[in-house]
């Protein structure tokens, strides 16, 4: 995998916190910062994906009016919790 250097500016307090964490982990501050960026980006990508799926479901509801009652959802979840092999049937 090729790498690219990026520069970010942080205040001295954050830089010191980063160094302290890195020292505790016996890692370089660069490693800690890269790991933090990777984890942040993964979370944000998941959030964006979930948001898009939510919007798609909302649009489908608005278009079709289809919904699931609380009672049906709870009954299905109870069956799943009991270990039954169930698919969603509404």
N, C-alpha and C. Protein backbone atom coordinates (compact mmCIF):
# COMPACT_ATOMS: atom_id res chain seq x y z
N UNK A 1 0.85 -1.17 0.00
CA UNK A 1 0.00 0.00 0.00
C UNK A 1 0.89 1.24 0.00
N UNK A 2 0.62 2.16 -0.88
CA UNK A 2 1.39 3.39 -0.90
C UNK A 2 0.92 4.31 0.22
N UNK A 3 1.77 5.19 0.63
CA UNK A 3 1.42 6.11 1.71
C UNK A 3 1.58 7.54 1.23
N UNK A 4 0.84 8.41 1.86
CA UNK A 4 0.90 9.84 1.59
C UNK A 4 1.03 10.56 2.91
N UNK A 5 1.86 11.55 2.94
CA UNK A 5 2.00 12.35 4.15
C UNK A 5 1.01 13.49 4.11
N UNK A 6 0.30 13.66 5.23
CA UNK A 6 -0.58 14.82 5.37
C UNK A 6 -0.14 15.58 6.61
N UNK A 7 -0.38 16.85 6.61
CA UNK A 7 -0.03 17.65 7.77
C UNK A 7 -1.29 18.17 8.44
N UNK A 8 -1.34 18.05 9.75
CA UNK A 8 -2.46 18.63 10.48
C UNK A 8 -1.88 19.49 11.61
N UNK A 9 -2.58 20.54 11.92
CA UNK A 9 -2.15 21.41 13.00
C UNK A 9 -3.02 21.13 14.22
N UNK A 10 -2.37 20.91 15.35
CA UNK A 10 -3.07 20.70 16.61
C UNK A 10 -2.46 21.64 17.64
N UNK A 11 -3.27 21.99 18.63
CA UNK A 11 -2.72 22.85 19.67
C UNK A 11 -1.75 22.05 20.55
N UNK A 12 -0.95 22.76 21.32
CA UNK A 12 0.09 22.10 22.09
C UNK A 12 -0.48 21.15 23.14
N UNK A 13 -1.65 21.46 23.67
CA UNK A 13 -2.27 20.58 24.67
C UNK A 13 -2.63 19.23 24.05
N UNK A 14 -3.20 19.25 22.85
CA UNK A 14 -3.54 18.00 22.19
C UNK A 14 -2.28 17.23 21.81
N UNK A 15 -1.27 17.93 21.35
CA UNK A 15 -0.01 17.27 21.01
C UNK A 15 0.58 16.58 22.23
N UNK A 16 0.52 17.23 23.38
CA UNK A 16 1.03 16.63 24.60
C UNK A 16 0.20 15.41 25.01
N UNK A 17 -1.11 15.52 24.89
CA UNK A 17 -1.98 14.37 25.20
C UNK A 17 -1.65 13.20 24.29
N UNK A 18 -1.43 13.48 23.02
CA UNK A 18 -1.07 12.44 22.06
C UNK A 18 0.25 11.78 22.45
N UNK A 19 1.23 12.60 22.82
CA UNK A 19 2.53 12.05 23.25
C UNK A 19 2.36 11.20 24.51
N UNK A 20 1.53 11.65 25.45
CA UNK A 20 1.34 10.90 26.69
C UNK A 20 0.72 9.53 26.42
N UNK A 21 -0.29 9.51 25.56
CA UNK A 21 -0.92 8.23 25.20
C UNK A 21 0.09 7.34 24.49
N UNK A 22 0.82 7.91 23.57
CA UNK A 22 1.82 7.13 22.82
C UNK A 22 2.87 6.55 23.76
N UNK A 23 3.33 7.36 24.70
CA UNK A 23 4.33 6.87 25.66
C UNK A 23 3.78 5.72 26.48
N UNK A 24 2.54 5.85 26.93
CA UNK A 24 1.91 4.80 27.73
C UNK A 24 1.80 3.50 26.94
N UNK A 25 1.54 3.63 25.65
CA UNK A 25 1.37 2.44 24.80
C UNK A 25 2.70 1.96 24.21
N UNK A 26 3.78 2.67 24.52
CA UNK A 26 5.09 2.38 23.95
C UNK A 26 5.02 2.40 22.42
N UNK A 27 4.36 3.41 21.91
CA UNK A 27 4.21 3.63 20.47
C UNK A 27 4.63 5.05 20.13
N UNK A 28 4.81 5.29 18.86
CA UNK A 28 5.11 6.65 18.40
C UNK A 28 3.82 7.45 18.31
N UNK A 29 3.88 8.75 18.57
CA UNK A 29 2.68 9.58 18.41
C UNK A 29 2.06 9.44 17.02
N UNK A 30 2.91 9.28 16.01
CA UNK A 30 2.43 9.09 14.64
C UNK A 30 1.52 7.87 14.56
N UNK A 31 1.91 6.76 15.19
CA UNK A 31 1.12 5.53 15.17
C UNK A 31 -0.24 5.76 15.82
N UNK A 32 -0.24 6.43 16.98
CA UNK A 32 -1.49 6.69 17.70
C UNK A 32 -2.40 7.58 16.86
N UNK A 33 -1.84 8.63 16.26
CA UNK A 33 -2.64 9.54 15.44
C UNK A 33 -3.22 8.82 14.23
N UNK A 34 -2.41 7.99 13.57
CA UNK A 34 -2.90 7.26 12.40
C UNK A 34 -4.02 6.31 12.80
N UNK A 35 -3.83 5.63 13.91
CA UNK A 35 -4.86 4.69 14.39
C UNK A 35 -6.15 5.44 14.71
N UNK A 36 -6.03 6.58 15.36
CA UNK A 36 -7.21 7.39 15.70
C UNK A 36 -7.93 7.84 14.43
N UNK A 37 -7.18 8.27 13.43
CA UNK A 37 -7.80 8.69 12.17
C UNK A 37 -8.50 7.53 11.48
N UNK A 38 -7.86 6.35 11.48
CA UNK A 38 -8.48 5.18 10.86
C UNK A 38 -9.80 4.83 11.55
N UNK A 39 -9.78 4.80 12.89
CA UNK A 39 -10.99 4.44 13.63
C UNK A 39 -12.09 5.48 13.45
N UNK A 40 -11.72 6.76 13.47
CA UNK A 40 -12.70 7.82 13.25
C UNK A 40 -13.33 7.68 11.87
N UNK A 41 -12.50 7.47 10.87
CA UNK A 41 -13.01 7.38 9.50
C UNK A 41 -13.92 6.17 9.33
N UNK A 42 -13.55 5.04 9.93
CA UNK A 42 -14.41 3.85 9.86
C UNK A 42 -15.77 4.12 10.49
N UNK A 43 -15.77 4.76 11.66
CA UNK A 43 -17.05 5.08 12.32
C UNK A 43 -17.89 6.01 11.46
N UNK A 44 -17.26 7.02 10.89
CA UNK A 44 -18.01 7.97 10.07
C UNK A 44 -18.54 7.32 8.80
N UNK A 45 -17.75 6.45 8.19
CA UNK A 45 -18.22 5.74 7.00
C UNK A 45 -19.43 4.87 7.35
N UNK A 46 -19.39 4.20 8.50
CA UNK A 46 -20.53 3.39 8.94
C UNK A 46 -21.75 4.28 9.19
N UNK A 47 -21.52 5.43 9.82
CA UNK A 47 -22.62 6.35 10.11
C UNK A 47 -23.26 6.84 8.81
N UNK A 48 -22.43 7.17 7.84
CA UNK A 48 -22.94 7.64 6.55
C UNK A 48 -23.73 6.54 5.86
N UNK A 49 -23.22 5.31 5.89
CA UNK A 49 -23.92 4.18 5.29
C UNK A 49 -25.26 3.94 5.97
N UNK A 50 -25.27 3.98 7.31
CA UNK A 50 -26.52 3.77 8.05
C UNK A 50 -27.52 4.89 7.77
N UNK A 51 -27.03 6.11 7.68
CA UNK A 51 -27.90 7.25 7.39
C UNK A 51 -28.54 7.09 6.02
N UNK A 52 -27.76 6.66 5.03
CA UNK A 52 -28.31 6.45 3.69
C UNK A 52 -29.37 5.36 3.71
N UNK A 53 -29.12 4.28 4.46
CA UNK A 53 -30.11 3.19 4.56
C UNK A 53 -31.37 3.69 5.26
N UNK A 54 -31.20 4.50 6.30
CA UNK A 54 -32.37 5.07 6.99
C UNK A 54 -33.20 5.93 6.05
N UNK A 55 -32.54 6.76 5.27
CA UNK A 55 -33.26 7.61 4.32
C UNK A 55 -33.98 6.78 3.27
N UNK A 56 -33.34 5.70 2.82
CA UNK A 56 -33.97 4.81 1.85
C UNK A 56 -35.22 4.17 2.45
N UNK A 57 -35.12 3.71 3.70
CA UNK A 57 -36.28 3.11 4.36
C UNK A 57 -37.39 4.14 4.55
N UNK A 58 -37.02 5.36 4.91
CA UNK A 58 -38.01 6.41 5.10
C UNK A 58 -38.74 6.70 3.79
N UNK A 59 -37.97 6.82 2.72
CA UNK A 59 -38.58 7.07 1.41
C UNK A 59 -39.52 5.94 1.01
N UNK A 60 -39.14 4.70 1.29
CA UNK A 60 -40.00 3.56 0.98
C UNK A 60 -41.29 3.64 1.80
N UNK A 61 -41.17 4.04 3.06
CA UNK A 61 -42.36 4.20 3.90
C UNK A 61 -43.26 5.30 3.35
N UNK A 62 -42.67 6.43 3.01
CA UNK A 62 -43.45 7.55 2.48
C UNK A 62 -44.15 7.15 1.19
N UNK A 63 -43.47 6.41 0.34
CA UNK A 63 -44.02 5.99 -0.94
C UNK A 63 -45.09 4.92 -0.80
N UNK A 64 -44.83 3.92 0.05
CA UNK A 64 -45.74 2.76 0.13
C UNK A 64 -46.69 2.81 1.32
N UNK A 65 -46.31 3.51 2.36
CA UNK A 65 -47.12 3.52 3.58
C UNK A 65 -46.96 2.26 4.41
N UNK A 66 -46.12 1.33 3.95
CA UNK A 66 -45.91 0.09 4.69
C UNK A 66 -45.15 0.36 5.98
N UNK A 67 -45.61 -0.29 7.04
CA UNK A 67 -44.93 -0.18 8.32
C UNK A 67 -45.13 -1.47 9.10
N UNK A 68 -44.44 -1.60 10.21
CA UNK A 68 -44.55 -2.77 11.07
C UNK A 68 -45.03 -2.29 12.42
N UNK A 69 -46.04 -2.96 12.96
CA UNK A 69 -46.53 -2.57 14.27
C UNK A 69 -45.53 -2.96 15.35
N UNK A 70 -45.59 -2.27 16.45
CA UNK A 70 -44.73 -2.59 17.58
C UNK A 70 -44.96 -4.02 18.04
N UNK A 71 -46.22 -4.42 18.06
CA UNK A 71 -46.55 -5.77 18.52
C UNK A 71 -45.92 -6.83 17.62
N UNK A 72 -46.01 -6.64 16.30
CA UNK A 72 -45.41 -7.59 15.36
C UNK A 72 -43.89 -7.63 15.52
N UNK A 73 -43.29 -6.47 15.67
CA UNK A 73 -41.83 -6.41 15.83
C UNK A 73 -41.41 -7.10 17.12
N UNK A 74 -42.12 -6.84 18.21
CA UNK A 74 -41.79 -7.48 19.49
C UNK A 74 -41.95 -8.99 19.43
N UNK A 75 -43.02 -9.46 18.80
CA UNK A 75 -43.24 -10.90 18.68
C UNK A 75 -42.11 -11.54 17.88
N UNK A 76 -41.70 -10.90 16.81
CA UNK A 76 -40.61 -11.42 15.99
C UNK A 76 -39.31 -11.45 16.79
N UNK A 77 -39.02 -10.36 17.53
CA UNK A 77 -37.80 -10.31 18.33
C UNK A 77 -37.78 -11.38 19.41
N UNK A 78 -38.93 -11.66 20.02
CA UNK A 78 -39.00 -12.72 21.02
C UNK A 78 -38.66 -14.07 20.41
N UNK A 79 -39.15 -14.32 19.21
CA UNK A 79 -38.84 -15.58 18.53
C UNK A 79 -37.35 -15.68 18.23
N UNK A 80 -36.77 -14.58 17.79
CA UNK A 80 -35.33 -14.56 17.52
C UNK A 80 -34.57 -14.81 18.82
N UNK A 81 -34.99 -14.16 19.91
CA UNK A 81 -34.31 -14.33 21.20
C UNK A 81 -34.40 -15.77 21.70
N UNK A 82 -35.46 -16.46 21.37
CA UNK A 82 -35.61 -17.86 21.76
C UNK A 82 -34.78 -18.79 20.88
N UNK A 83 -34.15 -18.23 19.86
CA UNK A 83 -33.29 -19.03 18.99
C UNK A 83 -34.01 -19.64 17.81
N UNK A 84 -35.25 -19.25 17.59
CA UNK A 84 -35.98 -19.79 16.44
C UNK A 84 -35.37 -19.25 15.16
N UNK A 85 -35.37 -20.07 14.15
CA UNK A 85 -34.87 -19.66 12.83
C UNK A 85 -36.02 -18.99 12.10
N UNK A 86 -36.08 -17.67 12.20
CA UNK A 86 -37.21 -16.94 11.62
C UNK A 86 -36.70 -15.90 10.63
N UNK A 87 -37.50 -15.68 9.61
CA UNK A 87 -37.24 -14.57 8.70
C UNK A 87 -38.32 -13.54 8.98
N UNK A 88 -38.08 -12.33 8.56
CA UNK A 88 -39.06 -11.27 8.82
C UNK A 88 -40.24 -11.44 7.88
N UNK A 89 -41.43 -11.54 8.47
CA UNK A 89 -42.62 -11.66 7.65
C UNK A 89 -43.63 -10.58 7.94
N UNK A 90 -43.32 -9.73 8.91
CA UNK A 90 -44.21 -8.61 9.25
C UNK A 90 -45.40 -9.01 10.05
